[in-house]
Every structure is written in C-alpha cells, then in structure tokens.
Amino acid sequence: MVILREIKEWEGKELNDVLMTQKHMKEWRESLEAHSRSGDFTKFWGMILGSMRKYMAFLCSNPANLVLEFSALVEEARDSPTAKPAQLKINLFFKWLIGKPAGDYEPTDNTIAESTAKQIAYSRIRGFYSHNGVIFPKRFRAPEIESESKVAISDRSLKIIKYDGEGLPSIDMDIFQPFFKRLRFRDQVICACHVSGGGHDLVDLLKLTVGQLRKDNHYSSDKLNFLWAGNRQKTGKQFKVPFSSSATKLLKDYVKQERSEAKDDELVFLKKEDEKGRILTSNAVSNNYKNALYQALGITNGKKEFNPLRPKRFRHIFTTICTKRAPVLNISPNMIRLWQGHSPDVQDGYVENDWESILRDYRKVEPLFEVLDVVKTDTDKEIDLLRKKNEELEERFDKLNEELSSLNIVQLREENIDLKKTLNKLMNFSDFMDDFMAKEQAKQDQKDKEQD
C-alpha cells in the first residue's frame, strides 16, 4: 500500500520504480505492451511514466490528497457511475498544466503548451483510468484549444528578416535585440555564435570545448574572429565558418568569467551548478529562446504555442541573407555552402577553403550578423565606469608611491637605531636600579636582625 504522501518524497527514476510496484500500473503497462504497434515500446512507456510523474506532482500539490492510497484513485472512479472523481481531477490537471487556477491545487512553475497538456491529461492520464476499468461517459471530452493558425505569433506574423529599398535582406534588430537582451549571459553567447556562425544545429555548437578556445590557431591573425571548423553531426559534411568579432569577444569573456578553471576537454556550455545534470541540450536552449522572445513581446505563458526564433530558423535567416547579398558582395555560393556544411555545386566553380579566403568573404557579411549593438552599449557603459574607477585607483597608488619615495629612508633607519640604543640604555639603567634596591633592602634587613 502506497499513499500519496510517500509518493511526494520521490522523483525521477526512483518515482518510476515506486509507481511500477503498483498493481494498476503493472496491468496498464502489460495491456499497452500487448497491443503496442510502436517499434520502441520502452521509449513510449517512458513518455507515459513522465506524464504520470506530472500527474502525481499535481495530486500532491493539494494537501487533502496526501492521505489517499494510490489504488484509491482508480477505485473511487470505478465506484462512481460517471467516473466523476476522475473527470474532476483530469479537468483540473489540464488547467494546472497550462498555468490556470485549479481549485485547491498549488500552481506549478513548469507550465506547458495547451496542445501538450491536452495530450497528457485527456489521452495518457485518461488512458490510465480506462485501462483499469473506469468507464467515462461519452460527453467527457477534452476542451477545444486554438489551432496553430490562431496562435499569438508564427513565422509569417513575426518577420525577423526585413528588406531595404533595394530588396536586400537583414535581421530586423527592432525585434531581435529586445529578445537578445532577455537571454541570460550564457544563452546570449550561444545565440551570438549561433547567428553569426552559420546558424548551425545547436547539437554541433554545444560540442565546443574549452581547449578549442585556448588555442591561438583557432583565431584569425588579428584575434578578432574565432575560426570554427568541424563536421555536422546530421550529415557528416565539413564546415568552416568564423564567429563575428562581437560573438568572439563574448565567447572569450564567458570562458574567462565562467569556465576559467575548466579543463581543456570540458564543454564550454553547461547547465548551472544547481541544475540537475550538467549537460546542456539543444531543447533546453530552444526553450530559453522561446521564453525570451515571449517576454520581449509581452505575451503571457498561456499563449506560448510557437517559437519563431527556434534555433533551426537561424539557419534559414543566415542562408537567406548571405544568398541574397552574395551577388552584390561578390561571394561565391560555394563559399556560403562551405560555411554551412553543404556539398559544393560544381556549376558554381571552385572556392579556396583556406582561412584567409574564408575570412575575406565572411567579413563582407559580418556586419549583418553583429547582433550586440544594444547589449554592447549597456555593457560598455559599465566597463567604462569600472575603467574610470580603476584609473583613479592607479592615480592614487602612484601618488602614494611618490610620497613614500620622497621620504629619507636612510634617515629613518638611523633614527630607529638611535631609539634602540636609548631604549637599551634605559633597560640597563632599570636593571641597575633593581640590583641597587635589592642590595639596600638586604642591608636594611640585616640591621633589623642585629637590633632584635
């Protein structure tokens, strides 16, 4: 017998193990596996367990439920002709997942999109009850939610690329910079490298190691650009692309500030120390991008249905801007393909793939991907203030040095020696007086004895 108060103490794999000791969970798994057409049932069941963990967190957020036995969840629903207890819990669970008030249940910070919440509550959790003999009335249905065409923003409604009078594209900084400023420092660095470095898949960018950034031959001769080379995980194709100068500066600052003690073979980008596991995933970064964008646009949590600034879109942005401007800037399409890890097209001719040639063409488009103007301005103000304070301290230090150097150190030493001699004389005189007084006292004592 397991009650919810005990379940509240567990999480992750340990909670999975506790749940699988329960008869209703075992029978549900057996039923699903017997009828499964999935090629990977283990992965499918893992998603089911993830949904059950959320459901347990929801139930345990109401203190009144903590005395319930796990098995009672099914039994109370079976005893009701309309499965009303289960209906009520599932309806409130859906609201809880998307951040809406859910009666006596404490709200969660980990809200999710309505479409995902609908699948978890009305498909998986309802399935838990149904597979254990609970019969729901036909009128019990999932609520209607807005379709993708009605969501707050989309690729069409939020245009990141703008065109000038000559039809040449660039990033719309009025949209991009408010988003960028709301990213945490680590994600700003990732984003700057991501945007200026070809829009590569994050899974490739997150493989950067500290050792790569410490090697001089991974930078341009003027040290302004980091030279990134590798093979795409997705296709195995080689790519060679620089990061912009501002992205490179941010990257250096980040390593100096956050990863200075890291070993060469350690990854540059990790989760915070207090987060579970240190490996940073592309999904986590993508979610951070989405949250920053919706904050910049002032859109509430309940409408986070879509992410026009998902990492994959940066590749499209980079390709569009470079390709449209290539004829004007005299850049070969094969150079752009090299930057992005695509096979060259023989019809576009051969391009040199040495770093000097790559940098020469890259610097023609580099200003188009310098996304840090606003951030640099704010940061530079702080740096200028610190620099000014440092200069004042250095000036005061120099003055103190001058004052000290103007003192006659030799004279001070001589005076110190004289003081020591005087002190020794006083100490010797003190000893002499002690002896004298002792002798006088002895004489007086002798006289007193003779008189007695």
Protein backbone atom coordinates (compact mmCIF):
# COMPACT_ATOMS: atom_id res chain seq x y z
CA MET A 1 0.00 0.00 0.00
CA VAL A 2 1.42 3.37 -1.06
CA ILE A 3 -0.16 6.69 -0.16
CA LEU A 4 0.44 9.95 -2.00
CA ARG A 5 2.34 11.46 0.93
CA GLU A 6 5.01 8.79 0.36
CA ILE A 7 4.98 9.32 -3.40
CA LYS A 8 5.63 13.04 -2.85
CA GLU A 9 9.07 12.18 -1.44
CA TRP A 10 10.25 10.55 -4.68
CA GLU A 11 11.13 11.88 -8.14
CA GLY A 12 12.66 10.80 -11.45
CA LYS A 13 13.71 7.16 -11.84
CA GLU A 14 13.06 6.42 -8.18
CA LEU A 15 9.46 7.57 -8.55
CA ASN A 16 9.15 5.38 -11.68
CA ASP A 17 10.25 2.39 -9.62
CA VAL A 18 7.71 3.17 -6.88
CA LEU A 19 4.90 3.57 -9.41
CA MET A 20 5.75 0.24 -11.03
CA THR A 21 5.21 -1.56 -7.70
CA GLN A 22 1.52 -0.71 -8.02
CA LYS A 23 -0.89 -3.27 -9.47
CA HIS A 24 -2.78 -0.75 -11.60
CA MET A 25 0.46 0.49 -13.22
CA LYS A 26 1.67 -3.05 -13.95
CA GLU A 27 -1.64 -4.06 -15.54
CA TRP A 28 -1.71 -0.85 -17.60
CA ARG A 29 1.79 -1.48 -18.92
CA GLU A 30 1.01 -5.10 -19.79
CA SER A 31 -2.14 -4.07 -21.65
CA LEU A 32 -0.36 -1.35 -23.62
CA GLU A 33 2.60 -3.55 -24.50
CA ALA A 34 0.31 -6.37 -25.67
CA HIS A 35 -1.44 -4.06 -28.14
CA SER A 36 1.50 -1.82 -28.99
CA ARG A 37 2.49 -1.23 -32.60
CA SER A 38 5.38 1.02 -31.60
CA GLY A 39 8.82 -0.07 -32.70
CA ASP A 40 10.26 1.20 -29.44
CA PHE A 41 7.81 0.47 -26.63
CA THR A 42 10.41 1.35 -23.97
CA LYS A 43 10.58 4.92 -25.25
CA PHE A 44 6.78 5.11 -25.47
CA TRP A 45 6.39 3.82 -21.92
CA GLY A 46 8.96 6.36 -20.78
CA MET A 47 6.66 9.14 -22.03
CA ILE A 48 3.77 7.53 -20.17
CA LEU A 49 5.76 7.47 -16.94
CA GLY A 50 6.73 11.12 -17.47
CA SER A 51 3.05 12.01 -17.71
CA MET A 52 2.27 10.02 -14.56
CA ARG A 53 5.01 11.84 -12.66
CA LYS A 54 3.38 15.15 -13.62
CA TYR A 55 0.02 13.79 -12.51
CA MET A 56 1.48 12.73 -9.16
CA ALA A 57 3.03 16.20 -8.70
CA PHE A 58 -0.38 17.73 -9.41
CA LEU A 59 -2.23 15.49 -6.97
CA CYS A 60 0.36 16.03 -4.23
CA SER A 61 0.09 19.82 -4.58
CA ASN A 62 -3.26 19.56 -2.77
CA PRO A 63 -2.66 18.60 0.91
CA ALA A 64 -6.10 16.95 1.09
CA ASN A 65 -4.93 14.26 -1.34
CA LEU A 66 -1.83 13.22 0.60
CA VAL A 67 -3.73 10.63 2.66
CA LEU A 68 -5.10 8.89 -0.43
CA GLU A 69 -3.81 5.48 -1.40
CA PHE A 70 -2.60 5.22 -4.99
CA SER A 71 -5.06 2.40 -5.66
CA ALA A 72 -7.93 4.60 -4.40
CA LEU A 73 -7.55 6.82 -7.46
CA VAL A 74 -8.94 4.02 -9.61
CA GLU A 75 -11.33 2.56 -7.04
CA GLU A 76 -13.16 5.83 -6.30
CA ALA A 77 -13.62 6.42 -10.03
CA ARG A 78 -14.95 2.88 -10.56
CA ASP A 79 -17.47 3.34 -7.75
CA SER A 80 -18.95 6.42 -9.41
CA PRO A 81 -21.47 5.81 -12.24
CA THR A 82 -19.99 8.68 -14.26
CA ALA A 83 -16.39 8.40 -13.01
CA LYS A 84 -16.86 11.88 -11.58
CA PRO A 85 -13.78 11.88 -9.28
CA ALA A 86 -11.52 11.05 -12.22
CA GLN A 87 -13.26 13.56 -14.51
CA LEU A 88 -12.76 16.34 -11.97
CA LYS A 89 -9.10 15.52 -11.40
CA ILE A 90 -8.32 15.31 -15.13
CA ASN A 91 -10.05 18.64 -15.85
CA LEU A 92 -8.17 20.38 -13.03
CA PHE A 93 -4.92 18.68 -14.05
CA PHE A 94 -5.24 20.18 -17.55
CA LYS A 95 -5.76 23.67 -16.11
CA TRP A 96 -2.85 23.17 -13.70
CA LEU A 97 -0.52 22.18 -16.55
CA ILE A 98 -1.22 25.36 -18.56
CA GLY A 99 -0.99 27.67 -15.55
CA LYS A 100 -4.68 28.38 -14.95
CA PRO A 101 -6.27 28.33 -11.44
CA ALA A 102 -7.07 24.75 -10.40
CA GLY A 103 -9.08 24.95 -7.20
CA ASP A 104 -7.16 23.89 -4.09
CA TYR A 105 -4.13 22.75 -6.07
CA GLU A 106 -0.99 24.85 -5.72
CA PRO A 107 0.14 26.29 -9.07
CA THR A 108 3.22 24.98 -10.85
CA ASP A 109 6.06 26.98 -12.38
CA ASN A 110 6.55 24.31 -15.06
CA THR A 111 3.64 25.20 -17.32
CA ILE A 112 3.38 23.72 -20.81
CA ALA A 113 1.56 24.43 -24.08
CA GLU A 114 -2.15 23.69 -24.24
CA SER A 115 -1.75 21.14 -27.02
CA THR A 116 0.79 19.15 -24.96
CA ALA A 117 -1.30 19.46 -21.79
CA LYS A 118 -4.34 18.18 -23.67
CA GLN A 119 -2.49 15.07 -24.81
CA ILE A 120 -1.11 14.34 -21.33
CA ALA A 121 -4.36 14.86 -19.42
CA TYR A 122 -7.04 13.64 -21.80
CA SER A 123 -5.10 10.89 -23.55
CA ARG A 124 -2.47 9.42 -21.25
CA ILE A 125 -4.00 10.01 -17.81
CA ARG A 126 -7.49 9.18 -19.04
CA GLY A 127 -5.91 6.05 -20.52
CA PHE A 128 -4.56 5.11 -17.09
CA TYR A 129 -8.11 5.09 -15.72
CA SER A 130 -9.71 3.47 -18.79
CA HIS A 131 -7.22 0.58 -18.89
CA ASN A 132 -8.06 -0.08 -15.24
CA GLY A 133 -11.79 -0.46 -15.79
CA VAL A 134 -13.02 3.10 -15.34
CA ILE A 135 -15.81 3.94 -17.82
CA PHE A 136 -16.18 7.58 -18.78
CA PRO A 137 -19.40 8.97 -20.27
CA LYS A 138 -19.26 9.97 -23.94
CA ARG A 139 -19.84 13.61 -23.07
CA PHE A 140 -16.49 13.73 -21.20
CA ARG A 141 -14.19 15.27 -23.81
CA ALA A 142 -11.08 17.36 -23.97
CA PRO A 143 -11.65 21.12 -24.30
CA GLU A 144 -11.19 22.77 -27.68
CA ILE A 145 -7.97 24.72 -28.00
CA GLU A 146 -6.81 27.25 -30.56
CA SER A 147 -5.33 25.78 -33.71
CA GLU A 148 -1.85 26.79 -34.81
CA SER A 149 -3.33 29.32 -37.23
CA LYS A 150 -4.80 31.20 -34.26
CA VAL A 151 -1.72 31.25 -32.03
CA ALA A 152 -0.22 34.51 -30.87
CA ILE A 153 2.70 34.52 -33.32
CA SER A 154 4.04 32.48 -36.20
CA ASP A 155 6.79 32.60 -38.81
CA ARG A 156 4.50 34.65 -41.04
CA SER A 157 3.28 37.11 -38.42
CA LEU A 158 6.73 37.71 -36.85
CA LYS A 159 9.11 38.60 -39.66
CA ILE A 160 12.72 38.51 -38.41
CA ILE A 161 14.13 39.40 -41.83
CA LYS A 162 13.48 42.86 -43.24
CA TYR A 163 14.30 44.20 -46.71
CA ASP A 164 15.72 47.58 -47.69
CA GLY A 165 14.74 49.70 -50.66
CA GLU A 166 16.91 47.62 -52.97
CA GLY A 167 15.33 44.37 -51.81
CA LEU A 168 18.38 43.27 -49.77
CA PRO A 169 17.68 41.38 -46.52
CA SER A 170 18.99 41.88 -43.00
CA ILE A 171 17.97 40.95 -39.44
CA ASP A 172 15.28 43.22 -38.00
CA MET A 173 17.08 44.44 -34.89
CA ASP A 174 13.94 46.10 -33.53
CA ILE A 175 12.64 42.57 -32.95
CA PHE A 176 15.88 40.74 -32.39
CA GLN A 177 17.64 42.91 -29.81
CA PRO A 178 14.78 43.05 -27.24
CA PHE A 179 14.73 39.25 -27.47
CA PHE A 180 18.51 39.03 -27.18
CA LYS A 181 18.68 41.29 -24.12
CA ARG A 182 16.30 38.98 -22.23
CA LEU A 183 18.55 35.97 -22.60
CA ARG A 184 20.85 35.07 -19.72
CA PHE A 185 24.56 35.65 -20.35
CA ARG A 186 25.32 32.04 -21.31
CA ASP A 187 22.46 31.96 -23.81
CA GLN A 188 23.47 35.35 -25.22
CA VAL A 189 26.89 33.89 -26.01
CA ILE A 190 25.33 30.81 -27.62
CA CYS A 191 22.92 32.95 -29.62
CA ALA A 192 25.62 35.36 -30.85
CA CYS A 193 27.78 32.44 -32.01
CA HIS A 194 24.73 30.69 -33.44
CA VAL A 195 23.52 33.65 -35.50
CA SER A 196 26.90 34.75 -36.79
CA GLY A 197 28.32 31.25 -37.22
CA GLY A 198 26.11 29.92 -39.97
CA GLY A 199 23.03 29.04 -37.91
CA HIS A 200 24.38 25.52 -37.39
CA ASP A 201 22.46 22.91 -35.45
CA LEU A 202 22.85 23.57 -31.73
CA VAL A 203 23.94 19.98 -31.20
CA ASP A 204 27.14 20.91 -33.09
CA LEU A 205 27.66 24.27 -31.37
CA LEU A 206 27.22 22.82 -27.89
CA LYS A 207 30.15 20.45 -28.56
CA LEU A 208 32.65 23.32 -28.33
CA THR A 209 35.34 22.58 -25.74
CA VAL A 210 37.31 24.95 -23.57
CA GLY A 211 40.53 23.66 -25.12
CA GLN A 212 39.45 24.79 -28.60
CA LEU A 213 39.11 28.35 -27.35
CA ARG A 214 42.54 28.31 -25.75
CA LYS A 215 44.42 27.53 -28.97
CA ASP A 216 45.81 30.53 -30.86
CA ASN A 217 45.48 28.79 -34.22
CA HIS A 218 41.70 28.77 -33.78
CA TYR A 219 41.60 32.55 -34.19
CA SER A 220 42.18 34.96 -37.03
CA SER A 221 45.63 36.58 -37.17
CA ASP A 222 44.20 39.74 -35.59
CA LYS A 223 42.47 37.60 -32.88
CA LEU A 224 39.10 39.17 -33.69
CA ASN A 225 37.33 36.08 -35.01
CA PHE A 226 37.11 32.55 -33.68
CA LEU A 227 37.56 30.07 -36.53
CA TRP A 228 35.11 27.21 -36.13
CA ALA A 229 35.59 24.04 -38.13
CA GLY A 230 34.16 20.56 -37.87
CA ASN A 231 31.70 18.10 -39.33
CA ARG A 232 27.95 18.34 -38.97
CA GLN A 233 26.54 15.59 -36.78
CA LYS A 234 23.48 15.40 -39.00
CA THR A 235 25.26 14.78 -42.33
CA GLY A 236 28.95 14.37 -41.57
CA LYS A 237 29.74 17.21 -44.01
CA GLN A 238 32.66 19.50 -43.24
CA PHE A 239 32.06 23.16 -42.39
CA LYS A 240 34.40 26.09 -41.80
CA VAL A 241 32.96 29.38 -40.58
CA PRO A 242 34.16 32.24 -38.35
CA PHE A 243 32.21 33.77 -35.49
CA SER A 244 31.70 37.53 -35.65
CA SER A 245 34.11 39.72 -33.68
CA SER A 246 31.48 40.61 -31.06
CA ALA A 247 30.44 36.96 -30.69
CA THR A 248 34.11 36.01 -30.29
CA LYS A 249 34.57 38.68 -27.61
CA LEU A 250 31.50 37.44 -25.74
CA LEU A 251 32.77 33.87 -26.01
CA LYS A 252 36.18 34.81 -24.58
CA ASP A 253 34.55 36.81 -21.76
CA TYR A 254 32.26 33.91 -20.91
CA VAL A 255 35.10 31.39 -20.67
CA LYS A 256 37.17 33.81 -18.57
CA GLN A 257 34.26 34.51 -16.23
CA GLU A 258 32.52 31.13 -16.02
CA ARG A 259 34.93 28.44 -17.23
CA SER A 260 38.41 29.70 -16.33
CA GLU A 261 39.15 26.65 -14.16
CA ALA A 262 37.74 24.11 -16.63
CA LYS A 263 39.99 21.51 -18.24
CA ASP A 264 40.66 21.61 -21.96
CA ASP A 265 38.44 18.62 -22.73
CA GLU A 266 35.41 20.05 -20.89
CA LEU A 267 32.46 21.55 -22.75
CA VAL A 268 32.18 25.34 -22.85
CA PHE A 269 28.44 25.47 -22.24
CA LEU A 270 26.91 23.65 -19.27
CA LYS A 271 23.87 24.00 -17.07
CA LYS A 272 24.10 25.93 -13.81
CA GLU A 273 25.64 24.16 -10.83
CA ASP A 274 22.29 23.91 -9.06
CA GLU A 275 20.51 22.31 -12.02
CA LYS A 276 20.27 18.54 -12.32
CA GLY A 277 22.89 17.18 -14.69
CA ARG A 278 25.43 19.49 -16.30
CA ILE A 279 24.97 18.61 -19.99
CA LEU A 280 23.14 21.42 -21.80
CA THR A 281 20.78 20.21 -24.52
CA SER A 282 19.59 21.96 -27.66
CA ASN A 283 16.00 21.57 -26.46
CA ALA A 284 16.79 23.49 -23.28
CA VAL A 285 18.39 26.33 -25.25
CA SER A 286 15.47 26.38 -27.69
CA ASN A 287 13.05 26.72 -24.78
CA ASN A 288 15.12 29.57 -23.35
CA TYR A 289 14.98 31.31 -26.74
CA LYS A 290 11.20 30.95 -26.77
CA ASN A 291 10.76 32.29 -23.24
CA ALA A 292 12.96 35.32 -24.00
CA LEU A 293 11.02 36.08 -27.19
CA TYR A 294 7.64 35.91 -25.48
CA GLN A 295 8.91 38.13 -22.67
CA ALA A 296 10.11 40.66 -25.24
CA LEU A 297 6.70 40.58 -26.93
CA GLY A 298 4.80 40.73 -23.62
CA ILE A 299 2.88 37.50 -24.32
CA THR A 300 1.60 35.51 -21.33
CA ASN A 301 2.55 31.93 -20.54
CA GLY A 302 -0.76 30.51 -21.66
CA LYS A 303 -0.10 31.50 -25.29
CA LYS A 304 3.38 30.04 -25.70
CA GLU A 305 2.34 27.81 -28.56
CA PHE A 306 5.02 28.55 -31.15
CA ASN A 307 8.60 29.75 -31.42
CA PRO A 308 9.52 31.79 -34.50
CA LEU A 309 13.05 32.19 -33.07
CA ARG A 310 13.65 28.47 -32.64
CA PRO A 311 17.31 27.59 -33.31
CA LYS A 312 16.52 25.92 -36.64
CA ARG A 313 15.21 29.20 -38.02
CA PHE A 314 18.58 30.91 -37.57
CA ARG A 315 20.00 28.68 -40.28
CA HIS A 316 17.28 29.91 -42.64
CA ILE A 317 17.99 33.53 -41.65
CA PHE A 318 21.75 33.14 -42.28
CA THR A 319 21.20 31.37 -45.61
CA THR A 320 18.66 33.91 -46.85
CA ILE A 321 20.75 36.97 -46.02
CA CYS A 322 24.00 35.56 -47.40
CA THR A 323 22.47 34.11 -50.56
CA LYS A 324 20.51 37.25 -51.46
CA ARG A 325 23.53 39.50 -50.89
CA ALA A 326 26.15 37.19 -52.45
CA PRO A 327 25.93 38.68 -55.99
CA VAL A 328 26.26 42.23 -54.66
CA LEU A 329 29.14 41.34 -52.31
CA ASN A 330 30.85 39.07 -54.87
CA ILE A 331 30.71 35.95 -52.71
CA SER A 332 30.57 32.52 -54.35
CA PRO A 333 27.52 30.38 -53.42
CA ASN A 334 30.00 27.57 -52.72
CA MET A 335 31.64 29.71 -50.02
CA ILE A 336 28.27 30.00 -48.29
CA ARG A 337 27.84 26.23 -48.64
CA LEU A 338 31.26 25.73 -47.01
CA TRP A 339 30.23 27.96 -44.11
CA GLN A 340 27.09 25.91 -43.58
CA GLY A 341 28.44 22.42 -44.22
CA HIS A 342 26.79 21.74 -47.59
CA SER A 343 28.36 19.97 -50.56
CA PRO A 344 29.69 22.39 -53.20
CA ASP A 345 27.93 22.75 -56.55
CA VAL A 346 30.35 22.19 -59.44
CA GLN A 347 28.42 24.69 -61.54
CA ASP A 348 29.38 27.48 -59.14
CA GLY A 349 33.10 26.83 -59.51
CA TYR A 350 35.86 26.10 -57.06
CA VAL A 351 36.44 28.17 -53.94
CA GLU A 352 39.56 28.30 -51.79
CA ASN A 353 38.87 26.83 -48.35
CA ASP A 354 41.87 28.29 -46.53
CA TRP A 355 41.02 30.56 -43.61
CA GLU A 356 42.42 33.68 -45.29
CA SER A 357 39.98 33.30 -48.20
CA ILE A 358 37.12 32.36 -45.89
CA LEU A 359 37.70 35.40 -43.66
CA ARG A 360 37.98 37.74 -46.65
CA ASP A 361 34.46 36.81 -47.80
CA TYR A 362 33.00 36.41 -44.33
CA ARG A 363 33.91 39.95 -43.32
CA LYS A 364 31.76 41.22 -46.16
CA VAL A 365 28.66 39.84 -44.42
CA GLU A 366 29.89 40.01 -40.82
CA PRO A 367 28.29 43.42 -40.04
CA LEU A 368 24.90 41.93 -40.93
CA PHE A 369 25.19 39.43 -38.06
CA GLU A 370 26.56 41.73 -35.37
CA VAL A 371 23.52 41.50 -33.10
CA LEU A 372 25.03 43.03 -29.98
CA ASP A 373 24.73 46.79 -30.50
CA VAL A 374 22.25 47.44 -27.69
CA VAL A 375 23.89 44.99 -25.31
CA LYS A 376 27.35 46.29 -26.07
CA THR A 377 26.25 49.85 -25.36
CA ASP A 378 24.88 48.95 -21.93
CA THR A 379 27.85 46.74 -21.12
CA ASP A 380 30.39 49.27 -22.34
CA LYS A 381 28.90 51.89 -20.01
CA GLU A 382 29.58 49.59 -17.05
CA ILE A 383 33.04 48.77 -18.36
CA ASP A 384 33.84 52.47 -18.85
CA LEU A 385 32.73 53.20 -15.28
CA LEU A 386 34.92 50.38 -13.91
CA ARG A 387 37.81 51.53 -16.09
CA LYS A 388 37.44 55.08 -14.77
CA LYS A 389 37.44 53.85 -11.17
CA ASN A 390 40.49 51.73 -11.91
CA GLU A 391 42.32 54.72 -13.39
CA GLU A 392 41.50 56.77 -10.27
CA LEU A 393 42.85 54.00 -8.05
CA GLU A 394 46.01 53.74 -10.14
CA GLU A 395 46.49 57.52 -9.89
CA ARG A 396 46.14 57.41 -6.11
CA PHE A 397 48.57 54.50 -5.95
CA ASP A 398 51.15 56.42 -7.98
CA LYS A 399 50.84 59.43 -5.65
CA LEU A 400 51.37 57.23 -2.60
CA ASN A 401 54.45 55.74 -4.23
CA GLU A 402 55.81 59.21 -4.89
CA GLU A 403 55.23 60.26 -1.27
CA LEU A 404 56.93 57.13 0.02
CA SER A 405 59.85 57.51 -2.32
CA SER A 406 60.31 61.13 -1.18
CA LEU A 407 60.89 60.04 2.41
CA ASN A 408 64.51 59.74 3.57
CA ILE A 409 64.56 56.03 4.35
CA VAL A 410 68.20 56.15 5.48
CA GLN A 411 67.42 58.90 7.97
CA LEU A 412 64.53 56.86 9.34
CA ARG A 413 66.79 53.85 9.78
CA GLU A 414 69.39 55.95 11.67
CA GLU A 415 66.70 57.41 13.92
CA ASN A 416 65.41 53.91 14.54
CA ILE A 417 68.92 52.75 15.55
CA ASP A 418 69.27 55.72 17.95
CA LEU A 419 65.94 54.89 19.51
CA LYS A 420 67.03 51.30 20.02
CA LYS A 421 70.28 52.45 21.72
CA THR A 422 68.36 54.78 24.02
CA LEU A 423 65.92 52.01 24.86
CA ASN A 424 68.79 49.64 25.68
CA LYS A 425 70.34 52.25 27.99
CA LEU A 426 67.04 52.69 29.79
CA MET A 427 66.68 48.94 30.17
CA ASN A 428 70.24 48.66 31.56
CA PHE A 429 69.59 51.51 33.98
CA SER A 430 66.41 49.79 35.10
CA ASP A 431 68.35 46.59 35.79
CA PHE A 432 70.99 48.58 37.72
CA MET A 433 68.32 50.21 39.87
CA ASP A 434 66.71 46.84 40.60
CA ASP A 435 70.06 45.45 41.81
CA PHE A 436 70.76 48.55 43.86
CA MET A 437 67.37 48.46 45.56
CA ALA A 438 67.75 44.75 46.29
CA LYS A 439 71.14 45.32 47.98
CA GLU A 440 69.83 48.22 50.03
CA GLN A 441 66.90 46.15 51.14
CA ALA A 442 69.24 43.31 52.18
CA LYS A 443 71.35 45.76 54.27
CA GLN A 444 68.23 47.09 55.98
CA ASP A 445 67.05 43.56 56.77
CA GLN A 446 70.44 42.74 58.33
CA LYS A 447 70.32 45.85 60.57
CA ASP A 448 66.80 44.94 61.73
CA LYS A 449 68.03 41.47 62.80
CA GLU A 450 71.02 42.86 64.76
CA GLN A 451 68.76 45.26 66.69
CA ASP A 452 66.47 42.39 67.65
